Amino acid sequence: MRVNFKAMEEYGQGSQASRAGVADKVELIQMLFDGLIESMVTAQGHIERGAIEEKNKSLTRAGRITIGLQSALDMDKGGELARNLHELYGYVTRKLIHVNAYNDVAALKEILSLIREISQAWKDVPTLLPGSKLASRPALSVVH
């Protein structure tokens, strides 16, 4: 699986980053989504408190993670699902830029809702294909 290392740096330092080094593909994607959601929720709080510099840092982190998720897609093997996710991640990236420029909490809540849905879908992957190791499952062909 090719995951943008910058995305993992943006996810976290120390034990979480070490854990990512040995995590299987699904767990790694789930960790990225957890970091993305955390960054977006934190940014919302910063917007609401008027903490502009901190908001910018949180949204920049969220953008880097989103770009990392997008770059991890295997467009050859992933087919329509990979193309749809690619478009969605591009949309999220554009919205994050908009939120950062205009402190638009409604737009942030919109994309946060989308990201939470996708995150939940990744969390459901293990229950969809019981009995085999996650790292070798064909359902993961949208990432490489």
C-alpha atoms as a PDB file:
ATOM      1  CA  MET A   1       0.000   0.000   0.000  1.00  0.00           C
ATOM      2  CA  ARG A   2       1.394   3.349  -0.967  1.00  0.00           C
ATOM      3  CA  VAL A   3       0.321   5.964   1.546  1.00  0.00           C
ATOM      4  CA  ASN A   4       1.670   9.455   1.369  1.00  0.00           C
ATOM      5  CA  PHE A   5       4.136   9.545   4.268  1.00  0.00           C
ATOM      6  CA  LYS A   6       3.304  13.211   4.851  1.00  0.00           C
ATOM      7  CA  ALA A   7      -0.246  12.124   5.652  1.00  0.00           C
ATOM      8  CA  MET A   8       1.078   9.832   8.361  1.00  0.00           C
ATOM      9  CA  GLU A   9       3.256  12.628   9.720  1.00  0.00           C
ATOM     10  CA  GLU A  10       0.164  14.780   9.867  1.00  0.00           C
ATOM     11  CA  TYR A  11      -1.705  11.997  11.657  1.00  0.00           C
ATOM     12  CA  GLY A  12       0.592  12.000  14.630  1.00  0.00           C
ATOM     13  CA  GLN A  13       3.928  11.483  16.224  1.00  0.00           C
ATOM     14  CA  GLY A  14       5.376   8.872  18.556  1.00  0.00           C
ATOM     15  CA  SER A  15       3.554   5.688  19.352  1.00  0.00           C
ATOM     16  CA  GLN A  16       0.724   6.266  16.897  1.00  0.00           C
ATOM     17  CA  ALA A  17       3.131   6.803  14.022  1.00  0.00           C
ATOM     18  CA  SER A  18       5.095   3.720  15.093  1.00  0.00           C
ATOM     19  CA  ARG A  19       1.863   1.762  15.231  1.00  0.00           C
ATOM     20  CA  ALA A  20       1.063   2.923  11.705  1.00  0.00           C
ATOM     21  CA  GLY A  21       4.330   1.422  10.504  1.00  0.00           C
ATOM     22  CA  VAL A  22       3.103  -2.054  11.350  1.00  0.00           C
ATOM     23  CA  ALA A  23      -0.617  -1.569  10.820  1.00  0.00           C
ATOM     24  CA  ASP A  24      -2.376  -3.442   8.090  1.00  0.00           C
ATOM     25  CA  LYS A  25      -3.963  -1.555   5.213  1.00  0.00           C
ATOM     26  CA  VAL A  26      -7.404  -1.145   6.707  1.00  0.00           C
ATOM     27  CA  GLU A  27      -6.111  -0.111  10.080  1.00  0.00           C
ATOM     28  CA  LEU A  28      -3.840   2.447   8.443  1.00  0.00           C
ATOM     29  CA  ILE A  29      -6.721   3.942   6.481  1.00  0.00           C
ATOM     30  CA  GLN A  30      -8.850   3.990   9.637  1.00  0.00           C
ATOM     31  CA  MET A  31      -6.067   5.806  11.479  1.00  0.00           C
ATOM     32  CA  LEU A  32      -5.891   8.404   8.731  1.00  0.00           C
ATOM     33  CA  PHE A  33      -9.638   8.926   8.916  1.00  0.00           C
ATOM     34  CA  ASP A  34      -9.459   9.243  12.701  1.00  0.00           C
ATOM     35  CA  GLY A  35      -6.783  11.921  12.319  1.00  0.00           C
ATOM     36  CA  LEU A  36      -8.765  13.678   9.617  1.00  0.00           C
ATOM     37  CA  ILE A  37     -11.940  13.761  11.699  1.00  0.00           C
ATOM     38  CA  GLU A  38     -10.009  14.919  14.752  1.00  0.00           C
ATOM     39  CA  SER A  39      -8.433  17.753  12.751  1.00  0.00           C
ATOM     40  CA  MET A  40     -11.755  18.861  11.326  1.00  0.00           C
ATOM     41  CA  VAL A  41     -13.513  18.828  14.714  1.00  0.00           C
ATOM     42  CA  THR A  42     -10.598  20.726  16.247  1.00  0.00           C
ATOM     43  CA  ALA A  43     -10.738  23.282  13.422  1.00  0.00           C
ATOM     44  CA  GLN A  44     -14.438  23.803  14.069  1.00  0.00           C
ATOM     45  CA  GLY A  45     -13.707  24.599  17.702  1.00  0.00           C
ATOM     46  CA  HIS A  46     -10.976  27.014  16.685  1.00  0.00           C
ATOM     47  CA  ILE A  47     -13.314  28.786  14.262  1.00  0.00           C
ATOM     48  CA  GLU A  48     -15.985  29.090  16.939  1.00  0.00           C
ATOM     49  CA  ARG A  49     -13.438  30.578  19.381  1.00  0.00           C
ATOM     50  CA  GLY A  50     -11.830  32.841  16.776  1.00  0.00           C
ATOM     51  CA  ALA A  51      -8.448  31.113  17.085  1.00  0.00           C
ATOM     52  CA  ILE A  52      -7.427  31.740  13.489  1.00  0.00           C
ATOM     53  CA  GLU A  53      -3.819  30.522  13.611  1.00  0.00           C
ATOM     54  CA  GLU A  54      -4.808  27.257  15.284  1.00  0.00           C
ATOM     55  CA  LYS A  55      -7.719  26.833  12.848  1.00  0.00           C
ATOM     56  CA  ASN A  56      -5.297  27.196   9.968  1.00  0.00           C
ATOM     57  CA  LYS A  57      -2.990  24.530  11.417  1.00  0.00           C
ATOM     58  CA  SER A  58      -5.866  22.090  11.943  1.00  0.00           C
ATOM     59  CA  LEU A  59      -7.260  22.625   8.452  1.00  0.00           C
ATOM     60  CA  THR A  60      -3.804  22.339   6.890  1.00  0.00           C
ATOM     61  CA  ARG A  61      -3.344  19.013   8.683  1.00  0.00           C
ATOM     62  CA  ALA A  62      -6.781  17.868   7.500  1.00  0.00           C
ATOM     63  CA  GLY A  63      -5.895  18.846   3.938  1.00  0.00           C
ATOM     64  CA  ARG A  64      -2.633  16.922   4.008  1.00  0.00           C
ATOM     65  CA  ILE A  65      -4.349  13.826   5.334  1.00  0.00           C
ATOM     66  CA  THR A  66      -7.048  14.117   2.655  1.00  0.00           C
ATOM     67  CA  ILE A  67      -4.423  14.432  -0.058  1.00  0.00           C
ATOM     68  CA  GLY A  68      -2.646  11.402   1.429  1.00  0.00           C
ATOM     69  CA  LEU A  69      -5.841   9.380   1.283  1.00  0.00           C
ATOM     70  CA  GLN A  70      -6.376  10.501  -2.289  1.00  0.00           C
ATOM     71  CA  SER A  71      -2.837   9.588  -3.320  1.00  0.00           C
ATOM     72  CA  ALA A  72      -3.224   6.120  -1.769  1.00  0.00           C
ATOM     73  CA  LEU A  73      -5.992   5.194  -4.201  1.00  0.00           C
ATOM     74  CA  ASP A  74      -5.106   2.612  -6.816  1.00  0.00           C
ATOM     75  CA  MET A  75      -6.872   4.010  -9.846  1.00  0.00           C
ATOM     76  CA  ASP A  76      -6.014   0.964 -11.982  1.00  0.00           C
ATOM     77  CA  LYS A  77      -7.373  -1.681  -9.639  1.00  0.00           C
ATOM     78  CA  GLY A  78      -9.970   0.384  -7.802  1.00  0.00           C
ATOM     79  CA  GLY A  79     -12.248   1.030 -10.758  1.00  0.00           C
ATOM     80  CA  GLU A  80     -15.313   3.177 -10.244  1.00  0.00           C
ATOM     81  CA  LEU A  81     -15.001   3.179  -6.461  1.00  0.00           C
ATOM     82  CA  ALA A  82     -11.465   4.602  -6.635  1.00  0.00           C
ATOM     83  CA  ARG A  83     -12.590   7.233  -9.159  1.00  0.00           C
ATOM     84  CA  ASN A  84     -15.513   8.232  -6.938  1.00  0.00           C
ATOM     85  CA  LEU A  85     -13.303   8.462  -3.864  1.00  0.00           C
ATOM     86  CA  HIS A  86     -10.745  10.477  -5.845  1.00  0.00           C
ATOM     87  CA  GLU A  87     -13.450  12.981  -6.785  1.00  0.00           C
ATOM     88  CA  LEU A  88     -14.774  13.084  -3.228  1.00  0.00           C
ATOM     89  CA  TYR A  89     -11.330  13.703  -1.736  1.00  0.00           C
ATOM     90  CA  GLY A  90     -10.792  16.481  -4.272  1.00  0.00           C
ATOM     91  CA  TYR A  91     -14.104  18.018  -3.229  1.00  0.00           C
ATOM     92  CA  VAL A  92     -13.159  17.762   0.453  1.00  0.00           C
ATOM     93  CA  THR A  93      -9.806  19.427  -0.248  1.00  0.00           C
ATOM     94  CA  ARG A  94     -11.497  22.316  -2.067  1.00  0.00           C
ATOM     95  CA  LYS A  95     -14.023  22.696   0.754  1.00  0.00           C
ATOM     96  CA  LEU A  96     -11.249  22.732   3.355  1.00  0.00           C
ATOM     97  CA  ILE A  97      -9.631  25.625   1.491  1.00  0.00           C
ATOM     98  CA  HIS A  98     -12.997  27.398   1.418  1.00  0.00           C
ATOM     99  CA  VAL A  99     -13.541  26.793   5.151  1.00  0.00           C
ATOM    100  CA  ASN A 100     -10.079  28.132   5.917  1.00  0.00           C
ATOM    101  CA  ALA A 101     -10.634  31.271   3.849  1.00  0.00           C
ATOM    102  CA  TYR A 102     -14.153  32.057   5.070  1.00  0.00           C
ATOM    103  CA  ASN A 103     -14.430  30.333   8.481  1.00  0.00           C
ATOM    104  CA  ASP A 104     -17.499  28.550   7.103  1.00  0.00           C
ATOM    105  CA  VAL A 105     -18.603  26.163   9.856  1.00  0.00           C
ATOM    106  CA  ALA A 106     -21.591  24.941   7.800  1.00  0.00           C
ATOM    107  CA  ALA A 107     -19.285  23.837   4.959  1.00  0.00           C
ATOM    108  CA  LEU A 108     -16.987  22.173   7.484  1.00  0.00           C
ATOM    109  CA  LYS A 109     -19.908  20.271   9.014  1.00  0.00           C
ATOM    110  CA  GLU A 110     -20.974  19.138   5.530  1.00  0.00           C
ATOM    111  CA  ILE A 111     -17.628  17.592   4.654  1.00  0.00           C
ATOM    112  CA  LEU A 112     -17.175  16.254   8.180  1.00  0.00           C
ATOM    113  CA  SER A 113     -20.424  14.341   7.724  1.00  0.00           C
ATOM    114  CA  LEU A 114     -19.166  12.885   4.428  1.00  0.00           C
ATOM    115  CA  ILE A 115     -15.832  11.892   5.949  1.00  0.00           C
ATOM    116  CA  ARG A 116     -17.537  10.246   8.910  1.00  0.00           C
ATOM    117  CA  GLU A 117     -19.642   8.139   6.529  1.00  0.00           C
ATOM    118  CA  ILE A 118     -16.585   6.961   4.619  1.00  0.00           C
ATOM    119  CA  SER A 119     -14.726   6.333   7.862  1.00  0.00           C
ATOM    120  CA  GLN A 120     -17.575   4.165   9.110  1.00  0.00           C
ATOM    121  CA  ALA A 121     -17.531   2.215   5.858  1.00  0.00           C
ATOM    122  CA  TRP A 122     -13.814   1.448   6.403  1.00  0.00           C
ATOM    123  CA  LYS A 123     -14.578   0.387   9.981  1.00  0.00           C
ATOM    124  CA  ASP A 124     -17.210  -1.995   8.605  1.00  0.00           C
ATOM    125  CA  VAL A 125     -14.777  -3.699   6.204  1.00  0.00           C
ATOM    126  CA  PRO A 126     -13.704  -6.373   8.724  1.00  0.00           C
ATOM    127  CA  THR A 127     -17.321  -7.378   9.322  1.00  0.00           C
ATOM    128  CA  LEU A 128     -18.031  -7.666   5.606  1.00  0.00           C
ATOM    129  CA  LEU A 129     -15.331 -10.239   4.905  1.00  0.00           C
ATOM    130  CA  PRO A 130     -14.950 -12.448   7.963  1.00  0.00           C
ATOM    131  CA  GLY A 131     -12.383 -15.192   8.197  1.00  0.00           C
ATOM    132  CA  SER A 132      -9.514 -13.739   6.201  1.00  0.00           C
ATOM    133  CA  LYS A 133      -6.712 -11.316   6.956  1.00  0.00           C
ATOM    134  CA  LEU A 134      -7.606  -7.722   6.155  1.00  0.00           C
ATOM    135  CA  ALA A 135      -4.311  -6.992   4.432  1.00  0.00           C
ATOM    136  CA  SER A 136      -4.948  -9.563   1.713  1.00  0.00           C
ATOM    137  CA  ARG A 137      -8.614  -8.884   1.004  1.00  0.00           C
ATOM    138  CA  PRO A 138      -9.540  -8.084  -2.591  1.00  0.00           C
ATOM    139  CA  ALA A 139     -12.074  -5.485  -1.416  1.00  0.00           C
ATOM    140  CA  LEU A 140      -9.112  -3.259  -0.642  1.00  0.00           C
ATOM    141  CA  SER A 141      -8.048  -2.881  -4.236  1.00  0.00           C
ATOM    142  CA  VAL A 142      -8.962   0.797  -4.147  1.00  0.00           C
ATOM    143  CA  VAL A 143      -5.690   1.390  -2.284  1.00  0.00           C
ATOM    144  CA  HIS A 144      -2.203   0.196  -2.972  1.00  0.00           C
END
